Amino acid sequence: MRLALALVTLVLVLAAGASSAATDTVCADAARNAARRTGVPVDVLLAIAQVESGRRQSGGVTPWPWTINDSGAGHWYASRDQAETAARAIIAAGRTSFDVGCFQLNYRWHGDAFASVTAMFDPDANALYAAGFLRALHAETGDWSAAAGAYHSRTPVHAQRYRDRFDRALAALGGDPGAPAGPQQPGQAVRVNWFPLLQPGDGAGAAGSLVPLGL
């Protein structure tokens, strides 16, 4: 009986480990797909995802798809179901300014682009929207570092602090902030809510990203 219980426990532990390992690549896979479709350099998207939803693990910092930043506090959930349940609870409590997913899209400002808050957790949809956003910002600024700063905030001090961390993450990936945007596949333009970025101020992302201090 003890042997049977030990075997069951081992199977559960191995299954949990395999699930976590599979989740480790979800944001990166979504970033690669979005890069191919939008022409945003993949290293740029990987750096943004790492800075936005990076989860410290033994192997370093890994973007995590089931992430929420609510009122400046980051939460990395073990599963999509847990993250979606938490998001619905936040909305039920009357709060709408919180960030979700691999690229930490703000529900208040960008939720209308999705069918529901749960749809925002879809890694591919989250990444594609973020990539379209970054491509538009790059067209405005001419530089991926500046685009990353604007992605976070229009307030210079917040944007610069974010750029510093983005630049370090991008350099570690071997990326180039001056790289040109590639071709965009037909029909991949994303309609972005620009309102929070049309004016200086704390806006939608001034303190919203889960920027690991080591980046």
C-alpha atoms as a PDB file:
ATOM      1  CA  MET A   1       0.000   0.000   0.000  1.00  0.00           C
ATOM      2  CA  ARG A   2       2.811   2.388   0.908  1.00  0.00           C
ATOM      3  CA  LEU A   3       4.567   1.589  -2.339  1.00  0.00           C
ATOM      4  CA  ALA A   4       1.387   2.335  -4.280  1.00  0.00           C
ATOM      5  CA  LEU A   5       0.956   5.670  -2.504  1.00  0.00           C
ATOM      6  CA  ALA A   6       4.581   6.539  -3.144  1.00  0.00           C
ATOM      7  CA  LEU A   7       4.165   5.772  -6.838  1.00  0.00           C
ATOM      8  CA  VAL A   8       1.009   7.896  -7.057  1.00  0.00           C
ATOM      9  CA  THR A   9       2.794  10.771  -5.334  1.00  0.00           C
ATOM     10  CA  LEU A  10       5.733  10.467  -7.716  1.00  0.00           C
ATOM     11  CA  VAL A  11       3.435  10.514 -10.745  1.00  0.00           C
ATOM     12  CA  LEU A  12       1.670  13.640  -9.462  1.00  0.00           C
ATOM     13  CA  VAL A  13       4.957  15.404  -8.794  1.00  0.00           C
ATOM     14  CA  LEU A  14       6.273  14.532 -12.247  1.00  0.00           C
ATOM     15  CA  ALA A  15       3.027  15.664 -13.866  1.00  0.00           C
ATOM     16  CA  ALA A  16       3.141  18.990 -12.033  1.00  0.00           C
ATOM     17  CA  GLY A  17       6.735  19.479 -13.090  1.00  0.00           C
ATOM     18  CA  ALA A  18       5.918  18.700 -16.697  1.00  0.00           C
ATOM     19  CA  SER A  19       2.998  21.142 -16.634  1.00  0.00           C
ATOM     20  CA  SER A  20       5.194  23.904 -15.217  1.00  0.00           C
ATOM     21  CA  ALA A  21       7.912  23.198 -17.772  1.00  0.00           C
ATOM     22  CA  ALA A  22       5.374  23.394 -20.589  1.00  0.00           C
ATOM     23  CA  THR A  23       4.053  26.712 -19.267  1.00  0.00           C
ATOM     24  CA  ASP A  24       7.587  28.104 -19.184  1.00  0.00           C
ATOM     25  CA  THR A  25       7.624  28.348 -22.993  1.00  0.00           C
ATOM     26  CA  VAL A  26       4.066  29.599 -23.569  1.00  0.00           C
ATOM     27  CA  CYS A  27       4.871  33.323 -23.621  1.00  0.00           C
ATOM     28  CA  ALA A  28       8.011  32.805 -25.690  1.00  0.00           C
ATOM     29  CA  ASP A  29       6.097  30.727 -28.227  1.00  0.00           C
ATOM     30  CA  ALA A  30       3.383  33.391 -28.418  1.00  0.00           C
ATOM     31  CA  ALA A  31       6.023  36.092 -28.865  1.00  0.00           C
ATOM     32  CA  ARG A  32       7.596  34.217 -31.775  1.00  0.00           C
ATOM     33  CA  ASN A  33       4.220  33.784 -33.436  1.00  0.00           C
ATOM     34  CA  ALA A  34       3.374  37.474 -32.993  1.00  0.00           C
ATOM     35  CA  ALA A  35       6.789  38.498 -34.318  1.00  0.00           C
ATOM     36  CA  ARG A  36       6.265  36.439 -37.456  1.00  0.00           C
ATOM     37  CA  ARG A  37       2.838  37.965 -38.039  1.00  0.00           C
ATOM     38  CA  THR A  38       3.583  41.609 -37.224  1.00  0.00           C
ATOM     39  CA  GLY A  39       7.236  42.124 -38.127  1.00  0.00           C
ATOM     40  CA  VAL A  40       8.239  43.181 -34.618  1.00  0.00           C
ATOM     41  CA  PRO A  41      11.666  41.641 -33.872  1.00  0.00           C
ATOM     42  CA  VAL A  42      11.233  38.549 -31.740  1.00  0.00           C
ATOM     43  CA  ASP A  43      13.963  39.653 -29.322  1.00  0.00           C
ATOM     44  CA  VAL A  44      12.030  42.864 -28.678  1.00  0.00           C
ATOM     45  CA  LEU A  45       8.896  40.925 -27.794  1.00  0.00           C
ATOM     46  CA  LEU A  46      10.793  38.436 -25.652  1.00  0.00           C
ATOM     47  CA  ALA A  47      12.450  41.283 -23.742  1.00  0.00           C
ATOM     48  CA  ILE A  48       9.110  43.026 -23.172  1.00  0.00           C
ATOM     49  CA  ALA A  49       7.505  39.791 -21.969  1.00  0.00           C
ATOM     50  CA  GLN A  50      10.409  39.124 -19.620  1.00  0.00           C
ATOM     51  CA  VAL A  51      10.192  42.591 -18.108  1.00  0.00           C
ATOM     52  CA  GLU A  52       6.395  42.586 -17.955  1.00  0.00           C
ATOM     53  CA  SER A  53       5.556  39.169 -16.513  1.00  0.00           C
ATOM     54  CA  GLY A  54       8.930  37.679 -15.656  1.00  0.00           C
ATOM     55  CA  ARG A  55       8.792  35.060 -12.927  1.00  0.00           C
ATOM     56  CA  ARG A  56      11.976  34.268 -11.047  1.00  0.00           C
ATOM     57  CA  GLN A  57      12.832  30.589 -11.210  1.00  0.00           C
ATOM     58  CA  SER A  58      16.000  28.593 -10.757  1.00  0.00           C
ATOM     59  CA  GLY A  59      16.928  29.050 -14.401  1.00  0.00           C
ATOM     60  CA  GLY A  60      16.427  32.820 -14.368  1.00  0.00           C
ATOM     61  CA  VAL A  61      13.454  35.019 -15.245  1.00  0.00           C
ATOM     62  CA  THR A  62      10.699  33.424 -17.337  1.00  0.00           C
ATOM     63  CA  PRO A  63       7.640  35.258 -18.724  1.00  0.00           C
ATOM     64  CA  TRP A  64       4.514  33.763 -17.157  1.00  0.00           C
ATOM     65  CA  PRO A  65       1.146  33.781 -18.962  1.00  0.00           C
ATOM     66  CA  TRP A  66      -1.088  33.479 -15.883  1.00  0.00           C
ATOM     67  CA  THR A  67       0.067  36.739 -14.326  1.00  0.00           C
ATOM     68  CA  ILE A  68      -1.939  39.635 -12.884  1.00  0.00           C
ATOM     69  CA  ASN A  69      -0.696  42.943 -11.538  1.00  0.00           C
ATOM     70  CA  ASP A  70      -3.391  44.474  -9.357  1.00  0.00           C
ATOM     71  CA  SER A  71      -2.712  47.758  -7.559  1.00  0.00           C
ATOM     72  CA  GLY A  72       1.024  47.303  -8.003  1.00  0.00           C
ATOM     73  CA  ALA A  73       1.110  43.779  -6.588  1.00  0.00           C
ATOM     74  CA  GLY A  74       2.141  40.953  -8.881  1.00  0.00           C
ATOM     75  CA  HIS A  75       0.503  37.546  -8.750  1.00  0.00           C
ATOM     76  CA  TRP A  76       1.801  34.548 -10.706  1.00  0.00           C
ATOM     77  CA  TYR A  77      -0.918  31.891 -10.744  1.00  0.00           C
ATOM     78  CA  ALA A  78      -0.285  28.214 -11.317  1.00  0.00           C
ATOM     79  CA  SER A  79      -2.991  27.870 -13.964  1.00  0.00           C
ATOM     80  CA  ARG A  80      -5.076  29.877 -16.388  1.00  0.00           C
ATOM     81  CA  ASP A  81      -8.242  28.950 -14.502  1.00  0.00           C
ATOM     82  CA  GLN A  82      -6.836  30.412 -11.293  1.00  0.00           C
ATOM     83  CA  ALA A  83      -5.786  33.616 -13.049  1.00  0.00           C
ATOM     84  CA  GLU A  84      -9.159  34.038 -14.756  1.00  0.00           C
ATOM     85  CA  THR A  85     -10.991  33.465 -11.477  1.00  0.00           C
ATOM     86  CA  ALA A  86      -8.825  36.099  -9.807  1.00  0.00           C
ATOM     87  CA  ALA A  87      -9.441  38.576 -12.640  1.00  0.00           C
ATOM     88  CA  ARG A  88     -13.193  38.136 -12.389  1.00  0.00           C
ATOM     89  CA  ALA A  89     -12.988  38.689  -8.629  1.00  0.00           C
ATOM     90  CA  ILE A  90     -11.054  41.931  -9.153  1.00  0.00           C
ATOM     91  CA  ILE A  91     -13.718  43.206 -11.540  1.00  0.00           C
ATOM     92  CA  ALA A  92     -16.480  42.145  -9.162  1.00  0.00           C
ATOM     93  CA  ALA A  93     -14.744  44.194  -6.469  1.00  0.00           C
ATOM     94  CA  GLY A  94     -15.037  47.270  -8.687  1.00  0.00           C
ATOM     95  CA  ARG A  95     -11.425  47.553  -9.873  1.00  0.00           C
ATOM     96  CA  THR A  96     -10.682  47.749 -13.597  1.00  0.00           C
ATOM     97  CA  SER A  97      -7.115  49.043 -13.781  1.00  0.00           C
ATOM     98  CA  PHE A  98      -5.120  45.835 -13.587  1.00  0.00           C
ATOM     99  CA  ASP A  99      -2.756  44.105 -16.007  1.00  0.00           C
ATOM    100  CA  VAL A 100      -2.983  40.570 -17.342  1.00  0.00           C
ATOM    101  CA  GLY A 101      -1.047  37.972 -19.284  1.00  0.00           C
ATOM    102  CA  CYS A 102       2.379  37.610 -20.843  1.00  0.00           C
ATOM    103  CA  PHE A 103       2.518  41.258 -21.889  1.00  0.00           C
ATOM    104  CA  GLN A 104       0.525  42.712 -18.971  1.00  0.00           C
ATOM    105  CA  LEU A 105      -2.196  44.429 -20.976  1.00  0.00           C
ATOM    106  CA  ASN A 106      -4.242  46.807 -18.883  1.00  0.00           C
ATOM    107  CA  TYR A 107      -7.885  45.729 -18.678  1.00  0.00           C
ATOM    108  CA  ARG A 108      -9.227  49.242 -18.191  1.00  0.00           C
ATOM    109  CA  TRP A 109      -7.587  50.644 -21.302  1.00  0.00           C
ATOM    110  CA  HIS A 110      -7.371  47.643 -23.601  1.00  0.00           C
ATOM    111  CA  GLY A 111     -10.099  45.270 -22.456  1.00  0.00           C
ATOM    112  CA  ASP A 112     -12.486  46.502 -25.149  1.00  0.00           C
ATOM    113  CA  ALA A 113     -10.216  44.945 -27.780  1.00  0.00           C
ATOM    114  CA  PHE A 114     -11.070  41.494 -26.408  1.00  0.00           C
ATOM    115  CA  ALA A 115     -14.302  39.558 -26.034  1.00  0.00           C
ATOM    116  CA  SER A 116     -13.773  39.275 -22.273  1.00  0.00           C
ATOM    117  CA  VAL A 117     -11.123  39.543 -19.593  1.00  0.00           C
ATOM    118  CA  THR A 118     -10.595  35.798 -19.869  1.00  0.00           C
ATOM    119  CA  ALA A 119      -9.823  36.202 -23.580  1.00  0.00           C
ATOM    120  CA  MET A 120      -7.012  38.573 -22.648  1.00  0.00           C
ATOM    121  CA  PHE A 121      -5.174  35.669 -21.040  1.00  0.00           C
ATOM    122  CA  ASP A 122      -4.907  33.810 -24.343  1.00  0.00           C
ATOM    123  CA  PRO A 123      -1.137  33.979 -24.906  1.00  0.00           C
ATOM    124  CA  ASP A 124      -1.321  34.375 -28.686  1.00  0.00           C
ATOM    125  CA  ALA A 125      -4.010  37.061 -28.526  1.00  0.00           C
ATOM    126  CA  ASN A 126      -2.168  38.866 -25.732  1.00  0.00           C
ATOM    127  CA  ALA A 127       1.107  38.783 -27.650  1.00  0.00           C
ATOM    128  CA  LEU A 128      -0.434  39.812 -30.972  1.00  0.00           C
ATOM    129  CA  TYR A 129      -2.101  42.860 -29.440  1.00  0.00           C
ATOM    130  CA  ALA A 130       1.106  43.856 -27.652  1.00  0.00           C
ATOM    131  CA  ALA A 131       3.103  43.432 -30.862  1.00  0.00           C
ATOM    132  CA  GLY A 132       0.682  45.620 -32.808  1.00  0.00           C
ATOM    133  CA  PHE A 133       0.903  48.213 -30.067  1.00  0.00           C
ATOM    134  CA  LEU A 134       4.714  48.149 -30.131  1.00  0.00           C
ATOM    135  CA  ARG A 135       4.849  48.337 -33.913  1.00  0.00           C
ATOM    136  CA  ALA A 136       2.698  51.472 -33.865  1.00  0.00           C
ATOM    137  CA  LEU A 137       4.862  53.001 -31.131  1.00  0.00           C
ATOM    138  CA  HIS A 138       7.992  52.152 -33.111  1.00  0.00           C
ATOM    139  CA  ALA A 139       6.531  53.925 -36.144  1.00  0.00           C
ATOM    140  CA  GLU A 140       6.123  56.982 -33.926  1.00  0.00           C
ATOM    141  CA  THR A 141       9.473  56.872 -32.105  1.00  0.00           C
ATOM    142  CA  GLY A 142      11.769  55.153 -34.616  1.00  0.00           C
ATOM    143  CA  ASP A 143      13.473  53.064 -31.943  1.00  0.00           C
ATOM    144  CA  TRP A 144      12.449  49.937 -30.049  1.00  0.00           C
ATOM    145  CA  SER A 145      13.826  51.217 -26.751  1.00  0.00           C
ATOM    146  CA  ALA A 146      11.776  54.404 -27.000  1.00  0.00           C
ATOM    147  CA  ALA A 147       8.768  52.356 -28.102  1.00  0.00           C
ATOM    148  CA  ALA A 148       9.187  50.130 -25.044  1.00  0.00           C
ATOM    149  CA  GLY A 149       9.283  53.162 -22.771  1.00  0.00           C
ATOM    150  CA  ALA A 150       6.055  54.486 -24.289  1.00  0.00           C
ATOM    151  CA  TYR A 151       4.495  51.027 -23.996  1.00  0.00           C
ATOM    152  CA  HIS A 152       4.962  51.382 -20.264  1.00  0.00           C
ATOM    153  CA  SER A 153       4.256  55.088 -19.710  1.00  0.00           C
ATOM    154  CA  ARG A 154       4.322  58.543 -21.301  1.00  0.00           C
ATOM    155  CA  THR A 155       5.716  60.007 -18.106  1.00  0.00           C
ATOM    156  CA  PRO A 156       9.452  60.453 -18.837  1.00  0.00           C
ATOM    157  CA  VAL A 157      10.761  59.241 -15.482  1.00  0.00           C
ATOM    158  CA  HIS A 158       8.679  56.050 -15.609  1.00  0.00           C
ATOM    159  CA  ALA A 159       9.442  55.478 -19.276  1.00  0.00           C
ATOM    160  CA  GLN A 160      13.194  55.879 -18.777  1.00  0.00           C
ATOM    161  CA  ARG A 161      13.310  53.508 -15.828  1.00  0.00           C
ATOM    162  CA  TYR A 162      11.448  50.930 -17.882  1.00  0.00           C
ATOM    163  CA  ARG A 163      13.712  51.523 -20.896  1.00  0.00           C
ATOM    164  CA  ASP A 164      16.788  50.847 -18.793  1.00  0.00           C
ATOM    165  CA  ARG A 165      15.429  47.446 -17.797  1.00  0.00           C
ATOM    166  CA  PHE A 166      14.173  46.682 -21.281  1.00  0.00           C
ATOM    167  CA  ASP A 167      17.575  47.589 -22.747  1.00  0.00           C
ATOM    168  CA  ARG A 168      19.341  45.198 -20.386  1.00  0.00           C
ATOM    169  CA  ALA A 169      16.899  42.393 -21.187  1.00  0.00           C
ATOM    170  CA  LEU A 170      17.215  43.042 -24.923  1.00  0.00           C
ATOM    171  CA  ALA A 171      21.012  43.130 -24.768  1.00  0.00           C
ATOM    172  CA  ALA A 172      21.046  39.809 -22.912  1.00  0.00           C
ATOM    173  CA  LEU A 173      19.029  38.343 -25.792  1.00  0.00           C
ATOM    174  CA  GLY A 174      21.406  39.802 -28.368  1.00  0.00           C
ATOM    175  CA  GLY A 175      18.757  42.174 -29.711  1.00  0.00           C
ATOM    176  CA  ASP A 176      19.248  45.556 -31.366  1.00  0.00           C
ATOM    177  CA  PRO A 177      17.007  48.503 -30.399  1.00  0.00           C
ATOM    178  CA  GLY A 178      17.741  50.044 -33.788  1.00  0.00           C
ATOM    179  CA  ALA A 179      16.616  47.021 -35.805  1.00  0.00           C
ATOM    180  CA  PRO A 180      13.997  47.798 -38.445  1.00  0.00           C
ATOM    181  CA  ALA A 181      10.488  46.430 -38.282  1.00  0.00           C
ATOM    182  CA  GLY A 182       9.941  43.517 -40.637  1.00  0.00           C
ATOM    183  CA  PRO A 183       7.047  43.004 -43.035  1.00  0.00           C
ATOM    184  CA  GLN A 184       3.608  42.630 -41.513  1.00  0.00           C
ATOM    185  CA  GLN A 185       1.304  39.895 -42.710  1.00  0.00           C
ATOM    186  CA  PRO A 186      -1.934  41.141 -44.308  1.00  0.00           C
ATOM    187  CA  GLY A 187      -4.749  41.657 -41.843  1.00  0.00           C
ATOM    188  CA  GLN A 188      -2.490  41.759 -38.775  1.00  0.00           C
ATOM    189  CA  ALA A 189      -2.868  45.447 -37.953  1.00  0.00           C
ATOM    190  CA  VAL A 190      -4.220  45.794 -34.421  1.00  0.00           C
ATOM    191  CA  ARG A 191      -6.702  48.461 -33.373  1.00  0.00           C
ATOM    192  CA  VAL A 192      -5.210  49.921 -30.209  1.00  0.00           C
ATOM    193  CA  ASN A 193      -6.848  52.196 -27.655  1.00  0.00           C
ATOM    194  CA  TRP A 194      -4.437  55.128 -27.707  1.00  0.00           C
ATOM    195  CA  PHE A 195      -6.228  57.267 -25.118  1.00  0.00           C
ATOM    196  CA  PRO A 196      -3.918  56.573 -22.158  1.00  0.00           C
ATOM    197  CA  LEU A 197      -0.871  57.269 -24.333  1.00  0.00           C
ATOM    198  CA  LEU A 198      -2.042  60.522 -25.884  1.00  0.00           C
ATOM    199  CA  GLN A 199      -1.187  62.513 -22.792  1.00  0.00           C
ATOM    200  CA  PRO A 200       1.593  62.608 -20.201  1.00  0.00           C
ATOM    201  CA  GLY A 201       0.810  61.366 -16.743  1.00  0.00           C
ATOM    202  CA  ASP A 202       0.773  58.089 -14.898  1.00  0.00           C
ATOM    203  CA  GLY A 203      -1.618  56.642 -17.460  1.00  0.00           C
ATOM    204  CA  ALA A 204      -2.150  52.951 -17.943  1.00  0.00           C
ATOM    205  CA  GLY A 205       1.267  51.591 -17.196  1.00  0.00           C
ATOM    206  CA  ALA A 206       3.210  53.946 -14.980  1.00  0.00           C
ATOM    207  CA  ALA A 207       3.528  51.398 -12.216  1.00  0.00           C
ATOM    208  CA  GLY A 208       1.923  48.456 -13.868  1.00  0.00           C
ATOM    209  CA  SER A 209       4.714  46.263 -15.139  1.00  0.00           C
ATOM    210  CA  LEU A 210       6.177  43.508 -13.028  1.00  0.00           C
ATOM    211  CA  VAL A 211       9.732  44.643 -13.600  1.00  0.00           C
ATOM    212  CA  PRO A 212      12.137  42.317 -11.750  1.00  0.00           C
ATOM    213  CA  LEU A 213      14.707  44.413  -9.944  1.00  0.00           C
ATOM    214  CA  GLY A 214      17.535  42.372 -11.402  1.00  0.00           C
ATOM    215  CA  LEU A 215      16.721  43.404 -14.967  1.00  0.00           C
END
